[in-house]
PDB file of N, CA and C in Angstrom:
ATOM      1  N   UNK A   1     -41.702  26.576  48.495  1.00  0.00           N
ATOM      2  CA  UNK A   1     -40.897  25.407  48.236  1.00  0.00           C
ATOM      3  C   UNK A   1     -41.668  24.384  47.419  1.00  0.00           C
ATOM      4  N   UNK A   2     -42.966  24.306  47.603  1.00  0.00           N
ATOM      5  CA  UNK A   2     -43.788  23.334  46.876  1.00  0.00           C
ATOM      6  C   UNK A   2     -43.815  23.670  45.389  1.00  0.00           C
ATOM      7  N   UNK A   3     -43.725  24.972  45.066  1.00  0.00           N
ATOM      8  CA  UNK A   3     -43.728  25.353  43.653  1.00  0.00           C
ATOM      9  C   UNK A   3     -42.504  24.783  42.931  1.00  0.00           C
ATOM     10  N   UNK A   4     -41.366  24.774  43.601  1.00  0.00           N
ATOM     11  CA  UNK A   4     -40.154  24.233  42.989  1.00  0.00           C
ATOM     12  C   UNK A   4     -40.273  22.736  42.752  1.00  0.00           C
ATOM     13  N   UNK A   5     -40.934  22.056  43.676  1.00  0.00           N
ATOM     14  CA  UNK A   5     -41.145  20.615  43.510  1.00  0.00           C
ATOM     15  C   UNK A   5     -42.042  20.347  42.303  1.00  0.00           C
ATOM     16  N   UNK A   6     -43.090  21.123  42.174  1.00  0.00           N
ATOM     17  CA  UNK A   6     -43.999  20.958  41.034  1.00  0.00           C
ATOM     18  C   UNK A   6     -43.284  21.272  39.721  1.00  0.00           C
ATOM     19  N   UNK A   7     -42.470  22.295  39.742  1.00  0.00           N
ATOM     20  CA  UNK A   7     -41.715  22.650  38.550  1.00  0.00           C
ATOM     21  C   UNK A   7     -40.732  21.534  38.184  1.00  0.00           C
ATOM     22  N   UNK A   8     -40.093  20.953  39.158  1.00  0.00           N
ATOM     23  CA  UNK A   8     -39.178  19.850  38.921  1.00  0.00           C
ATOM     24  C   UNK A   8     -39.887  18.626  38.380  1.00  0.00           C
ATOM     25  N   UNK A   9     -41.044  18.299  38.935  1.00  0.00           N
ATOM     26  CA  UNK A   9     -41.824  17.162  38.443  1.00  0.00           C
ATOM     27  C   UNK A   9     -42.313  17.399  37.018  1.00  0.00           C
ATOM     28  N   UNK A  10     -42.720  18.613  36.726  1.00  0.00           N
ATOM     29  CA  UNK A  10     -43.157  18.938  35.369  1.00  0.00           C
ATOM     30  C   UNK A  10     -41.991  18.818  34.396  1.00  0.00           C
ATOM     31  N   UNK A  11     -40.814  19.234  34.814  1.00  0.00           N
ATOM     32  CA  UNK A  11     -39.623  19.108  33.969  1.00  0.00           C
ATOM     33  C   UNK A  11     -39.285  17.652  33.698  1.00  0.00           C
ATOM     34  N   UNK A  12     -39.351  16.830  34.724  1.00  0.00           N
ATOM     35  CA  UNK A  12     -39.089  15.396  34.542  1.00  0.00           C
ATOM     36  C   UNK A  12     -40.112  14.758  33.606  1.00  0.00           C
ATOM     37  N   UNK A  13     -41.363  15.133  33.743  1.00  0.00           N
ATOM     38  CA  UNK A  13     -42.393  14.595  32.865  1.00  0.00           C
ATOM     39  C   UNK A  13     -42.141  15.017  31.416  1.00  0.00           C
ATOM     40  N   UNK A  14     -41.695  16.251  31.219  1.00  0.00           N
ATOM     41  CA  UNK A  14     -41.386  16.727  29.869  1.00  0.00           C
ATOM     42  C   UNK A  14     -40.219  15.980  29.260  1.00  0.00           C
ATOM     43  N   UNK A  15     -39.183  15.731  30.046  1.00  0.00           N
ATOM     44  CA  UNK A  15     -38.024  14.986  29.548  1.00  0.00           C
ATOM     45  C   UNK A  15     -38.431  13.567  29.181  1.00  0.00           C
ATOM     46  N   UNK A  16     -39.255  12.944  30.004  1.00  0.00           N
ATOM     47  CA  UNK A  16     -39.712  11.584  29.720  1.00  0.00           C
ATOM     48  C   UNK A  16     -40.558  11.545  28.451  1.00  0.00           C
ATOM     49  N   UNK A  17     -41.399  12.545  28.261  1.00  0.00           N
ATOM     50  CA  UNK A  17     -42.243  12.586  27.064  1.00  0.00           C
ATOM     51  C   UNK A  17     -41.401  12.769  25.808  1.00  0.00           C
ATOM     52  N   UNK A  18     -40.409  13.641  25.862  1.00  0.00           N
ATOM     53  CA  UNK A  18     -39.531  13.856  24.709  1.00  0.00           C
ATOM     54  C   UNK A  18     -38.741  12.588  24.409  1.00  0.00           C
ATOM     55  N   UNK A  19     -38.283  11.903  25.436  1.00  0.00           N
ATOM     56  CA  UNK A  19     -37.557  10.647  25.241  1.00  0.00           C
ATOM     57  C   UNK A  19     -38.426   9.583  24.610  1.00  0.00           C
ATOM     58  N   UNK A  20     -39.686   9.511  24.996  1.00  0.00           N
ATOM     59  CA  UNK A  20     -40.598   8.524  24.420  1.00  0.00           C
ATOM     60  C   UNK A  20     -40.849   8.815  22.946  1.00  0.00           C
ATOM     61  N   UNK A  21     -41.015  10.082  22.597  1.00  0.00           N
ATOM     62  CA  UNK A  21     -41.231  10.450  21.194  1.00  0.00           C
ATOM     63  C   UNK A  21     -39.987  10.145  20.371  1.00  0.00           C
ATOM     64  N   UNK A  22     -38.824  10.443  20.905  1.00  0.00           N
ATOM     65  CA  UNK A  22     -37.578  10.176  20.184  1.00  0.00           C
ATOM     66  C   UNK A  22     -37.386   8.678  19.972  1.00  0.00           C
ATOM     67  N   UNK A  23     -37.700   7.879  20.968  1.00  0.00           N
ATOM     68  CA  UNK A  23     -37.563   6.426  20.841  1.00  0.00           C
ATOM     69  C   UNK A  23     -38.539   5.882  19.802  1.00  0.00           C
ATOM     70  N   UNK A  24     -39.734   6.408  19.767  1.00  0.00           N
ATOM     71  CA  UNK A  24     -40.723   5.937  18.797  1.00  0.00           C
ATOM     72  C   UNK A  24     -40.283   6.276  17.378  1.00  0.00           C
ATOM     73  N   UNK A  25     -39.742   7.477  17.188  1.00  0.00           N
ATOM     74  CA  UNK A  25     -39.262   7.859  15.854  1.00  0.00           C
ATOM     75  C   UNK A  25     -38.065   7.021  15.441  1.00  0.00           C
ATOM     76  N   UNK A  26     -37.210   6.698  16.373  1.00  0.00           N
ATOM     77  CA  UNK A  26     -36.044   5.877  16.080  1.00  0.00           C
ATOM     78  C   UNK A  26     -36.421   4.471  15.668  1.00  0.00           C
ATOM     79  N   UNK A  27     -37.455   3.932  16.261  1.00  0.00           N
ATOM     80  CA  UNK A  27     -37.885   2.578  15.916  1.00  0.00           C
ATOM     81  C   UNK A  27     -38.570   2.521  14.572  1.00  0.00           C
ATOM     82  N   UNK A  28     -39.190   3.610  14.146  1.00  0.00           N
ATOM     83  CA  UNK A  28     -39.925   3.576  12.892  1.00  0.00           C
ATOM     84  C   UNK A  28     -38.994   3.574  11.686  1.00  0.00           C
ATOM     85  N   UNK A  29     -37.732   3.993  11.884  1.00  0.00           N
ATOM     86  CA  UNK A  29     -36.767   3.999  10.794  1.00  0.00           C
ATOM     87  C   UNK A  29     -36.330   2.573  10.524  1.00  0.00           C
ATOM     88  N   UNK A  30     -36.409   2.154   9.278  1.00  0.00           N
ATOM     89  CA  UNK A  30     -36.048   0.789   8.930  1.00  0.00           C
ATOM     90  C   UNK A  30     -34.622   0.732   8.404  1.00  0.00           C
ATOM     91  N   UNK A  31     -33.876  -0.241   8.859  1.00  0.00           N
ATOM     92  CA  UNK A  31     -32.512  -0.419   8.389  1.00  0.00           C
ATOM     93  C   UNK A  31     -32.541  -1.104   7.028  1.00  0.00           C
ATOM     94  N   UNK A  32     -31.649  -0.705   6.135  1.00  0.00           N
ATOM     95  CA  UNK A  32     -31.605  -1.354   4.824  1.00  0.00           C
ATOM     96  C   UNK A  32     -31.083  -2.781   4.950  1.00  0.00           C
ATOM     97  N   UNK A  33     -31.469  -3.606   4.000  1.00  0.00           N
ATOM     98  CA  UNK A  33     -31.002  -4.985   4.007  1.00  0.00           C
ATOM     99  C   UNK A  33     -29.524  -5.016   3.611  1.00  0.00           C
ATOM    100  N   UNK A  34     -28.839  -6.109   3.878  1.00  0.00           N
ATOM    101  CA  UNK A  34     -27.429  -6.208   3.482  1.00  0.00           C
ATOM    102  C   UNK A  34     -27.232  -6.039   1.970  1.00  0.00           C
ATOM    103  N   UNK A  35     -28.163  -6.526   1.173  1.00  0.00           N
ATOM    104  CA  UNK A  35     -28.044  -6.367  -0.281  1.00  0.00           C
ATOM    105  C   UNK A  35     -28.141  -4.904  -0.692  1.00  0.00           C
ATOM    106  N   UNK A  36     -29.042  -4.151  -0.032  1.00  0.00           N
ATOM    107  CA  UNK A  36     -29.174  -2.727  -0.335  1.00  0.00           C
ATOM    108  C   UNK A  36     -27.907  -1.969   0.081  1.00  0.00           C
ATOM    109  N   UNK A  37     -27.357  -2.327   1.233  1.00  0.00           N
ATOM    110  CA  UNK A  37     -26.122  -1.679   1.678  1.00  0.00           C
ATOM    111  C   UNK A  37     -24.990  -1.960   0.700  1.00  0.00           C
ATOM    112  N   UNK A  38     -24.881  -3.200   0.262  1.00  0.00           N
ATOM    113  CA  UNK A  38     -23.822  -3.576  -0.668  1.00  0.00           C
ATOM    114  C   UNK A  38     -23.965  -2.806  -1.972  1.00  0.00           C
ATOM    115  N   UNK A  39     -25.197  -2.680  -2.472  1.00  0.00           N
ATOM    116  CA  UNK A  39     -25.425  -1.942  -3.721  1.00  0.00           C
ATOM    117  C   UNK A  39     -25.044  -0.472  -3.556  1.00  0.00           C
ATOM    118  N   UNK A  40     -25.390   0.127  -2.424  1.00  0.00           N
ATOM    119  CA  UNK A  40     -25.033   1.528  -2.178  1.00  0.00           C
ATOM    120  C   UNK A  40     -23.521   1.709  -2.118  1.00  0.00           C
ATOM    121  N   UNK A  41     -22.847   0.787  -1.442  1.00  0.00           N
ATOM    122  CA  UNK A  41     -21.401   0.896  -1.335  1.00  0.00           C
ATOM    123  C   UNK A  41     -20.723   0.737  -2.690  1.00  0.00           C
ATOM    124  N   UNK A  42     -21.216  -0.172  -3.516  1.00  0.00           N
ATOM    125  CA  UNK A  42     -20.655  -0.333  -4.851  1.00  0.00           C
ATOM    126  C   UNK A  42     -20.875   0.923  -5.695  1.00  0.00           C
ATOM    127  N   UNK A  43     -22.043   1.534  -5.547  1.00  0.00           N
ATOM    128  CA  UNK A  43     -22.337   2.765  -6.281  1.00  0.00           C
ATOM    129  C   UNK A  43     -21.394   3.884  -5.837  1.00  0.00           C
ATOM    130  N   UNK A  44     -21.183   4.004  -4.541  1.00  0.00           N
ATOM    131  CA  UNK A  44     -20.276   5.041  -4.035  1.00  0.00           C
ATOM    132  C   UNK A  44     -18.846   4.794  -4.494  1.00  0.00           C
ATOM    133  N   UNK A  45     -18.452   3.523  -4.573  1.00  0.00           N
ATOM    134  CA  UNK A  45     -17.111   3.199  -5.048  1.00  0.00           C
ATOM    135  C   UNK A  45     -16.948   3.576  -6.512  1.00  0.00           C
ATOM    136  N   UNK A  46     -17.963   3.302  -7.321  1.00  0.00           N
ATOM    137  CA  UNK A  46     -17.907   3.692  -8.738  1.00  0.00           C
ATOM    138  C   UNK A  46     -17.813   5.201  -8.878  1.00  0.00           C
ATOM    139  N   UNK A  47     -18.566   5.946  -8.048  1.00  0.00           N
ATOM    140  CA  UNK A  47     -18.517   7.406  -8.103  1.00  0.00           C
ATOM    141  C   UNK A  47     -17.135   7.914  -7.651  1.00  0.00           C
ATOM    142  N   UNK A  48     -16.570   7.278  -6.632  1.00  0.00           N
ATOM    143  CA  UNK A  48     -15.268   7.717  -6.114  1.00  0.00           C
ATOM    144  C   UNK A  48     -14.140   7.428  -7.107  1.00  0.00           C
ATOM    145  N   UNK A  49     -14.243   6.351  -7.852  1.00  0.00           N
ATOM    146  CA  UNK A  49     -13.211   6.031  -8.833  1.00  0.00           C
ATOM    147  C   UNK A  49     -13.154   7.067  -9.943  1.00  0.00           C
ATOM    148  N   UNK A  50     -14.276   7.666 -10.289  1.00  0.00           N
ATOM    149  CA  UNK A  50     -14.321   8.665 -11.338  1.00  0.00           C
ATOM    150  C   UNK A  50     -13.988  10.058 -10.862  1.00  0.00           C
ATOM    151  N   UNK A  51     -13.916  10.261  -9.553  1.00  0.00           N
ATOM    152  CA  UNK A  51     -13.671  11.597  -9.004  1.00  0.00           C
ATOM    153  C   UNK A  51     -12.176  11.891  -8.991  1.00  0.00           C
ATOM    154  N   UNK A  52     -11.847  13.184  -8.991  1.00  0.00           N
ATOM    155  CA  UNK A  52     -10.452  13.620  -8.913  1.00  0.00           C
ATOM    156  C   UNK A  52      -9.935  13.372  -7.497  1.00  0.00           C
ATOM    157  N   UNK A  53      -8.679  12.972  -7.360  1.00  0.00           N
ATOM    158  CA  UNK A  53      -8.132  12.789  -6.001  1.00  0.00           C
ATOM    159  C   UNK A  53      -7.971  14.140  -5.315  1.00  0.00           C
ATOM    160  N   UNK A  54      -8.088  14.149  -3.996  1.00  0.00           N
ATOM    161  CA  UNK A  54      -7.930  15.439  -3.276  1.00  0.00           C
ATOM    162  C   UNK A  54      -6.504  15.957  -3.404  1.00  0.00           C
ATOM    163  N   UNK A  55      -6.350  17.264  -3.394  1.00  0.00           N
ATOM    164  CA  UNK A  55      -5.018  17.890  -3.550  1.00  0.00           C
ATOM    165  C   UNK A  55      -4.200  17.819  -2.307  1.00  0.00           C
TER     166      UNK A  55
END
């Protein structure tokens, strides 16, 4: 029975470690500024205006 407890604790530690790594990677990603977002949206709009409408 003690082996199952150790296995469960090891599993919990692994989940916590993966969550910590995922959170760290998520924080390192920088959000674009509002001006950058606006420029991207205008570019996509220009590209969409030149594209053929869907059938």
